[in-house]
Amino acid sequence: MKNFNTHSILLYLIFSSGLLFSCGETKKNDTNSTSTDSLSVENEIVVETTNPSEEYQTFVTSLDTTQMKSSKQAVEKFKELYTTATPQQADEGFLIFDKLYNSLAFNLDEQHYKNSSKSEEYDKYDQIAGIYNGYNDGKDAPAEMIAYNNELASHGFGIGMTEGSTFILQNRDFFKIYFYDKVSQPLKSYLIQKNKEAKEMFSSDGGLLISPTRLAERVIWAENFIKENPNFHSKLMKEVKWSKKSYLTALMFGMDNTPAFDYQTKELSPDFEAAYQTLTSSYSDTETATIIKPYYEAIKNKNTKKQQELIEKYQNEDKIYKNEY
């Protein structure tokens, strides 16, 4: 199997957002009431709610997708327009912003690649890479680089590193301030989970950066989220399903530098066995456990024929990727 890595996941997300919106207006009708003693007219207060998404879409479209400042301009405009919006309207606003945000991340990373490829620039970003992910406190970095990292963070970005190269990443702590209190509960849950996963990361240099058990828990989260939110925003749901399939594939096969099976003995790795045991005991009523349980049994019984049959079955059912992925 080809390597999974955080940068490829980032690039996938860049192209996975965007939605068209419709705007509407609701208005209560005035009503009259009469009494037997006297005729009186009671005018109800007219409540008029305008969906701000059309105006927001126009504003966001006018922003420059190559300038970091555009994200801050967009969230400030969101704050202004969606003060009294419903959660559903706020979801629309977030999706408009998210499309801009992904474009910005892509374009800023392109600029970063050109800058960091210069010999005099090559190593300086290493000093602040990983501050968002928590594996670098940056305390020994020069003041200039700390200031640059703070500027990135204030606009929703950061510096990451994979396979020896730095890149611009999405610092999703940025979303907490502007969106968590406005959007619907399903979208908030999605944003919290994706921020958590981005901080933990997934893989680098062809190996897992999280335990197989943590990987299994990500699959379970995705499975439950899909089940509980069947009408969730289609573009984001597509990403959840893609993640679930990717994580389950890695859970069954491992990765080049974190294989599920020992290359010499062909025995199941203790870490992967612990993940399988957690799934079959703590999450026995899930679809994921239903997939893993017979696969695990075949491995324990050294029934390689059954194991291969299950792999082919799950691939044909589009539950995991084929080996060439």
Protein backbone atom coordinates (compact mmCIF):
# COMPACT_ATOMS: atom_id res chain seq x y z
CA MET A 1 0.00 0.00 0.00
CA LYS A 2 1.06 3.57 -0.64
CA ASN A 3 1.83 5.75 2.33
CA PHE A 4 -0.85 7.67 4.12
CA ASN A 5 0.27 11.13 5.20
CA THR A 6 -1.12 14.26 6.74
CA HIS A 7 -0.24 16.37 3.73
CA SER A 8 -2.29 14.20 1.35
CA ILE A 9 -5.25 14.40 3.72
CA LEU A 10 -4.87 18.18 3.78
CA LEU A 11 -4.81 18.36 0.00
CA TYR A 12 -7.91 16.18 -0.22
CA LEU A 13 -9.74 18.49 2.16
CA ILE A 14 -8.79 21.49 0.11
CA PHE A 15 -10.89 20.24 -2.78
CA SER A 16 -13.70 18.76 -0.72
CA SER A 17 -15.58 21.89 0.33
CA GLY A 18 -18.12 24.16 -1.31
CA LEU A 19 -21.88 24.43 -1.54
CA LEU A 20 -24.52 26.50 -3.25
CA PHE A 21 -27.01 28.25 -1.05
CA SER A 22 -30.47 29.63 -1.30
CA CYS A 23 -31.70 32.50 0.72
CA GLY A 24 -35.17 32.96 2.03
CA GLU A 25 -37.31 35.35 3.93
CA THR A 26 -40.06 34.52 6.43
CA LYS A 27 -42.70 36.81 7.76
CA LYS A 28 -45.53 36.39 10.18
CA ASN A 29 -48.97 37.57 9.03
CA ASP A 30 -50.81 40.14 11.07
CA THR A 31 -53.82 38.66 12.84
CA ASN A 32 -57.00 40.29 14.14
CA SER A 33 -58.88 39.30 17.23
CA THR A 34 -62.35 40.46 18.32
CA SER A 35 -64.28 40.26 21.57
CA THR A 36 -68.06 40.20 22.14
CA ASP A 37 -67.92 43.41 24.17
CA SER A 38 -65.92 45.49 21.78
CA LEU A 39 -64.13 45.25 18.51
CA SER A 40 -60.38 45.45 18.87
CA VAL A 41 -57.51 44.78 16.54
CA GLU A 42 -54.30 43.33 17.85
CA ASN A 43 -51.43 43.55 15.48
CA GLU A 44 -48.82 40.92 16.12
CA ILE A 45 -45.22 42.03 15.98
CA VAL A 46 -43.90 41.34 12.53
CA VAL A 47 -40.80 39.11 12.76
CA GLU A 48 -38.71 39.24 9.67
CA THR A 49 -35.66 37.04 9.33
CA THR A 50 -33.38 37.46 6.38
CA ASN A 51 -30.88 34.80 5.46
CA PRO A 52 -27.50 36.59 5.29
CA SER A 53 -25.79 33.90 3.18
CA GLU A 54 -26.30 35.65 -0.15
CA GLU A 55 -24.59 38.82 1.08
CA TYR A 56 -21.87 36.78 2.76
CA GLN A 57 -21.23 34.75 -0.39
CA THR A 58 -20.82 37.98 -2.38
CA PHE A 59 -18.40 39.37 0.20
CA VAL A 60 -16.28 36.22 0.45
CA THR A 61 -16.09 35.88 -3.32
CA SER A 62 -14.55 39.36 -3.48
CA LEU A 63 -11.63 38.38 -1.22
CA ASP A 64 -8.15 37.53 -2.44
CA THR A 65 -7.47 33.80 -1.98
CA THR A 66 -3.71 34.36 -1.98
CA GLN A 67 -3.67 36.70 1.03
CA MET A 68 -3.67 35.40 4.60
CA LYS A 69 -5.64 38.44 5.80
CA SER A 70 -8.67 37.28 3.81
CA SER A 71 -9.54 34.66 6.41
CA LYS A 72 -9.69 37.27 9.18
CA GLN A 73 -11.77 39.57 7.00
CA ALA A 74 -14.14 36.70 6.27
CA VAL A 75 -14.68 35.66 9.88
CA GLU A 76 -15.22 39.25 11.00
CA LYS A 77 -17.86 39.62 8.30
CA PHE A 78 -19.44 36.34 9.43
CA LYS A 79 -19.60 37.69 12.98
CA GLU A 80 -21.32 40.83 11.71
CA LEU A 81 -23.87 39.17 9.43
CA TYR A 82 -24.80 36.09 11.45
CA THR A 83 -25.39 37.69 14.86
CA THR A 84 -29.07 36.69 14.92
CA ALA A 85 -28.91 33.85 12.39
CA THR A 86 -30.34 30.41 13.01
CA PRO A 87 -27.89 27.50 13.38
CA GLN A 88 -28.90 26.30 9.92
CA GLN A 89 -28.07 29.69 8.41
CA ALA A 90 -24.79 29.77 10.34
CA ASP A 91 -23.95 26.36 8.85
CA GLU A 92 -24.39 27.86 5.40
CA GLY A 93 -22.10 30.71 6.36
CA PHE A 94 -19.45 28.34 7.65
CA LEU A 95 -19.51 26.34 4.43
CA ILE A 96 -19.03 29.53 2.42
CA PHE A 97 -16.08 30.41 4.66
CA ASP A 98 -14.66 26.88 4.52
CA LYS A 99 -14.37 26.98 0.75
CA LEU A 100 -12.35 30.19 1.01
CA TYR A 101 -10.29 28.77 3.89
CA ASN A 102 -9.30 25.67 1.94
CA SER A 103 -8.33 27.76 -1.07
CA LEU A 104 -6.24 30.00 1.14
CA ALA A 105 -4.48 27.01 2.71
CA PHE A 106 -3.64 25.64 -0.71
CA ASN A 107 -2.37 28.95 -2.09
CA LEU A 108 -0.40 29.82 1.04
CA ASP A 109 1.22 26.41 0.97
CA GLU A 110 2.22 26.94 -2.66
CA GLN A 111 3.86 30.23 -1.68
CA HIS A 112 5.51 28.58 1.32
CA TYR A 113 6.93 25.80 -0.85
CA LYS A 114 8.54 28.33 -3.18
CA ASN A 115 9.99 30.28 -0.26
CA SER A 116 11.20 27.32 1.78
CA SER A 117 12.88 25.71 -1.23
CA LYS A 118 15.42 28.54 -1.25
CA SER A 119 18.65 27.44 0.43
CA GLU A 120 18.68 30.35 2.88
CA GLU A 121 15.06 29.71 3.90
CA TYR A 122 15.11 25.91 4.01
CA ASP A 123 15.56 25.22 7.72
CA LYS A 124 14.16 28.25 9.49
CA TYR A 125 10.53 27.06 9.47
CA ASP A 126 11.55 23.83 11.24
CA GLN A 127 11.89 25.88 14.42
CA ILE A 128 8.14 26.52 14.64
CA ALA A 129 6.81 23.43 12.86
CA GLY A 130 4.49 21.47 15.10
CA ILE A 131 3.53 24.17 17.61
CA TYR A 132 -0.15 23.67 16.69
CA ASN A 133 0.25 19.89 16.94
CA GLY A 134 1.96 20.15 20.31
CA TYR A 135 5.24 18.40 19.48
CA ASN A 136 7.23 21.65 19.49
CA ASP A 137 6.90 24.40 22.10
CA GLY A 138 8.89 26.80 19.93
CA LYS A 139 10.60 28.33 22.96
CA ASP A 140 14.03 28.19 21.35
CA ALA A 141 12.85 29.70 18.06
CA PRO A 142 13.95 33.25 17.16
CA ALA A 143 11.54 36.04 18.01
CA GLU A 144 11.00 36.68 14.32
CA MET A 145 9.74 33.13 13.75
CA ILE A 146 7.57 33.17 16.88
CA ALA A 147 5.95 36.36 15.62
CA TYR A 148 5.39 34.76 12.24
CA ASN A 149 3.79 31.70 13.85
CA ASN A 150 1.51 33.93 15.93
CA GLU A 151 0.48 35.81 12.81
CA LEU A 152 -0.33 32.54 11.07
CA ALA A 153 -2.36 31.33 14.06
CA SER A 154 -4.36 34.57 14.25
CA HIS A 155 -5.47 33.93 10.66
CA GLY A 156 -6.17 30.20 11.11
CA PHE A 157 -2.92 28.66 9.88
CA GLY A 158 0.33 27.16 11.12
CA ILE A 159 3.47 25.29 10.09
CA GLY A 160 3.58 21.52 9.95
CA MET A 161 6.23 19.06 8.90
CA THR A 162 6.08 15.69 7.18
CA GLU A 163 8.85 13.58 5.73
CA GLY A 164 11.38 16.33 6.39
CA SER A 165 9.50 19.12 4.62
CA THR A 166 7.47 21.93 6.16
CA PHE A 167 4.09 23.05 4.89
CA ILE A 168 1.23 25.39 5.73
CA LEU A 169 -1.45 23.64 7.74
CA GLN A 170 -4.91 24.61 8.90
CA ASN A 171 -4.90 25.66 12.55
CA ARG A 172 -8.48 24.74 13.38
CA ASP A 173 -8.39 26.28 16.85
CA PHE A 174 -9.30 29.35 14.84
CA PHE A 175 -12.84 28.00 14.38
CA LYS A 176 -13.62 27.94 18.10
CA ILE A 177 -13.92 31.69 18.44
CA TYR A 178 -16.10 32.40 15.45
CA PHE A 179 -18.17 29.33 14.68
CA TYR A 180 -18.68 26.92 17.59
CA ASP A 181 -21.39 28.98 19.28
CA LYS A 182 -23.27 29.74 16.07
CA VAL A 183 -23.41 26.55 13.98
CA SER A 184 -25.65 23.51 14.48
CA GLN A 185 -24.68 20.82 16.98
CA PRO A 186 -23.75 18.24 14.28
CA LEU A 187 -21.43 20.71 12.57
CA LYS A 188 -19.90 21.71 15.90
CA SER A 189 -19.26 18.04 16.71
CA TYR A 190 -17.66 17.58 13.31
CA LEU A 191 -15.39 20.63 13.78
CA ILE A 192 -14.30 19.53 17.26
CA GLN A 193 -13.44 16.02 16.03
CA LYS A 194 -11.54 17.23 12.97
CA ASN A 195 -9.56 19.69 15.08
CA LYS A 196 -8.67 16.85 17.45
CA GLU A 197 -7.59 14.60 14.59
CA ALA A 198 -5.55 17.35 12.97
CA LYS A 199 -3.67 17.94 16.22
CA GLU A 200 -2.99 14.24 16.75
CA MET A 201 -2.10 13.87 13.07
CA PHE A 202 -2.22 10.48 11.37
CA SER A 203 0.98 9.41 9.63
CA SER A 204 4.40 10.52 8.47
CA ASP A 205 7.25 8.81 6.62
CA GLY A 206 5.01 5.86 5.83
CA GLY A 207 4.18 5.12 9.46
CA LEU A 208 1.34 5.73 11.90
CA LEU A 209 1.68 8.61 14.36
CA ILE A 210 -1.21 7.33 16.49
CA SER A 211 -1.83 3.92 18.00
CA PRO A 212 -3.94 1.34 16.15
CA THR A 213 -6.44 1.56 19.03
CA ARG A 214 -6.76 5.31 18.52
CA LEU A 215 -7.17 4.61 14.81
CA ALA A 216 -10.01 2.20 15.61
CA GLU A 217 -11.69 4.86 17.75
CA ARG A 218 -11.60 7.26 14.80
CA VAL A 219 -13.38 4.69 12.65
CA ILE A 220 -16.03 4.24 15.35
CA TRP A 221 -16.53 8.00 15.65
CA ALA A 222 -17.03 8.30 11.89
CA GLU A 223 -19.43 5.35 11.82
CA ASN A 224 -21.57 6.80 14.62
CA PHE A 225 -21.53 10.28 13.14
CA ILE A 226 -22.69 9.01 9.73
CA LYS A 227 -25.48 7.01 11.37
CA GLU A 228 -26.67 9.84 13.60
CA ASN A 229 -26.51 12.59 10.97
CA PRO A 230 -27.79 11.14 7.67
CA ASN A 231 -28.66 14.60 6.32
CA PHE A 232 -25.36 16.23 7.21
CA HIS A 233 -23.85 18.62 4.66
CA SER A 234 -22.95 16.49 1.66
CA LYS A 235 -19.46 17.86 1.01
CA LEU A 236 -18.38 17.39 4.61
CA MET A 237 -20.10 14.02 4.84
CA LYS A 238 -18.10 12.89 1.82
CA GLU A 239 -14.93 13.73 3.74
CA VAL A 240 -16.13 11.82 6.83
CA LYS A 241 -16.81 8.73 4.71
CA TRP A 242 -13.45 9.05 2.98
CA SER A 243 -11.70 9.27 6.35
CA LYS A 244 -13.59 6.26 7.70
CA LYS A 245 -12.58 4.16 4.70
CA SER A 246 -8.95 5.31 4.89
CA TYR A 247 -8.67 4.65 8.62
CA LEU A 248 -10.30 1.22 8.35
CA THR A 249 -7.92 0.28 5.53
CA ALA A 250 -4.92 1.27 7.66
CA LEU A 251 -6.41 -0.61 10.61
CA MET A 252 -6.55 -3.84 8.61
CA PHE A 253 -3.23 -3.61 6.79
CA GLY A 254 -1.11 -1.13 8.72
CA MET A 255 1.34 1.03 6.80
CA ASP A 256 4.77 0.50 5.27
CA ASN A 257 6.62 1.49 8.44
CA THR A 258 3.87 0.42 10.84
CA PRO A 259 2.72 -2.92 9.43
CA ALA A 260 -0.14 -4.85 10.99
CA PHE A 261 1.88 -8.04 10.53
CA ASP A 262 5.51 -8.77 11.36
CA TYR A 263 7.45 -9.00 8.11
CA GLN A 264 9.42 -12.03 9.31
CA THR A 265 6.98 -14.09 11.39
CA LYS A 266 3.77 -12.92 9.66
CA GLU A 267 2.23 -12.69 13.15
CA LEU A 268 -0.23 -9.93 14.00
CA SER A 269 1.41 -6.96 15.72
CA PRO A 270 0.55 -6.74 19.45
CA ASP A 271 -0.59 -3.12 18.97
CA PHE A 272 -2.99 -4.07 16.19
CA GLU A 273 -4.20 -7.08 18.18
CA ALA A 274 -4.98 -4.76 21.09
CA ALA A 275 -7.00 -2.55 18.72
CA TYR A 276 -8.94 -5.55 17.40
CA GLN A 277 -9.66 -6.73 20.94
CA THR A 278 -10.91 -3.27 21.91
CA LEU A 279 -13.21 -3.19 18.89
CA THR A 280 -14.68 -6.66 19.43
CA SER A 281 -15.19 -6.17 23.17
CA SER A 282 -16.02 -2.49 23.74
CA TYR A 283 -17.72 -1.76 20.39
CA SER A 284 -19.19 -5.16 19.57
CA ASP A 285 -22.49 -3.74 18.29
CA THR A 286 -20.87 -1.61 15.57
CA GLU A 287 -20.46 -2.28 11.87
CA THR A 288 -16.70 -1.86 12.31
CA ALA A 289 -16.58 -4.67 14.86
CA THR A 290 -18.65 -6.83 12.50
CA ILE A 291 -15.98 -6.28 9.85
CA ILE A 292 -12.97 -6.82 12.10
CA LYS A 293 -14.23 -9.78 14.15
CA PRO A 294 -14.17 -12.49 11.42
CA TYR A 295 -10.93 -11.03 10.03
CA TYR A 296 -9.35 -11.25 13.49
CA GLU A 297 -10.64 -14.80 13.96
CA ALA A 298 -9.14 -15.84 10.62
CA ILE A 299 -5.78 -14.37 11.67
CA LYS A 300 -5.83 -16.16 15.04
CA ASN A 301 -6.71 -19.45 13.32
CA LYS A 302 -3.98 -18.85 10.70
CA ASN A 303 -6.67 -19.24 8.06
CA THR A 304 -5.02 -17.15 5.35
CA LYS A 305 -7.55 -18.25 2.75
CA LYS A 306 -10.47 -16.92 4.82
CA GLN A 307 -8.50 -13.78 5.58
CA GLN A 308 -7.96 -13.08 1.89
CA GLU A 309 -11.62 -13.82 1.09
CA LEU A 310 -12.71 -11.26 3.68
CA ILE A 311 -10.29 -8.66 2.29
CA GLU A 312 -11.67 -9.14 -1.21
CA LYS A 313 -15.24 -9.06 0.11
CA TYR A 314 -14.70 -5.76 1.95
CA GLN A 315 -12.95 -4.26 -1.07
CA ASN A 316 -15.81 -5.26 -3.37
CA GLU A 317 -18.28 -3.76 -0.90
CA ASP A 318 -16.23 -0.52 -0.98
CA LYS A 319 -15.57 -0.66 2.76
CA ILE A 320 -11.78 -0.56 2.37
CA TYR A 321 -9.40 0.48 -0.38
CA LYS A 322 -7.76 -2.03 -2.67
CA ASN A 323 -4.16 -2.90 -2.04
CA GLU A 324 -2.83 -0.51 -4.65
CA TYR A 325 -4.25 2.51 -2.77
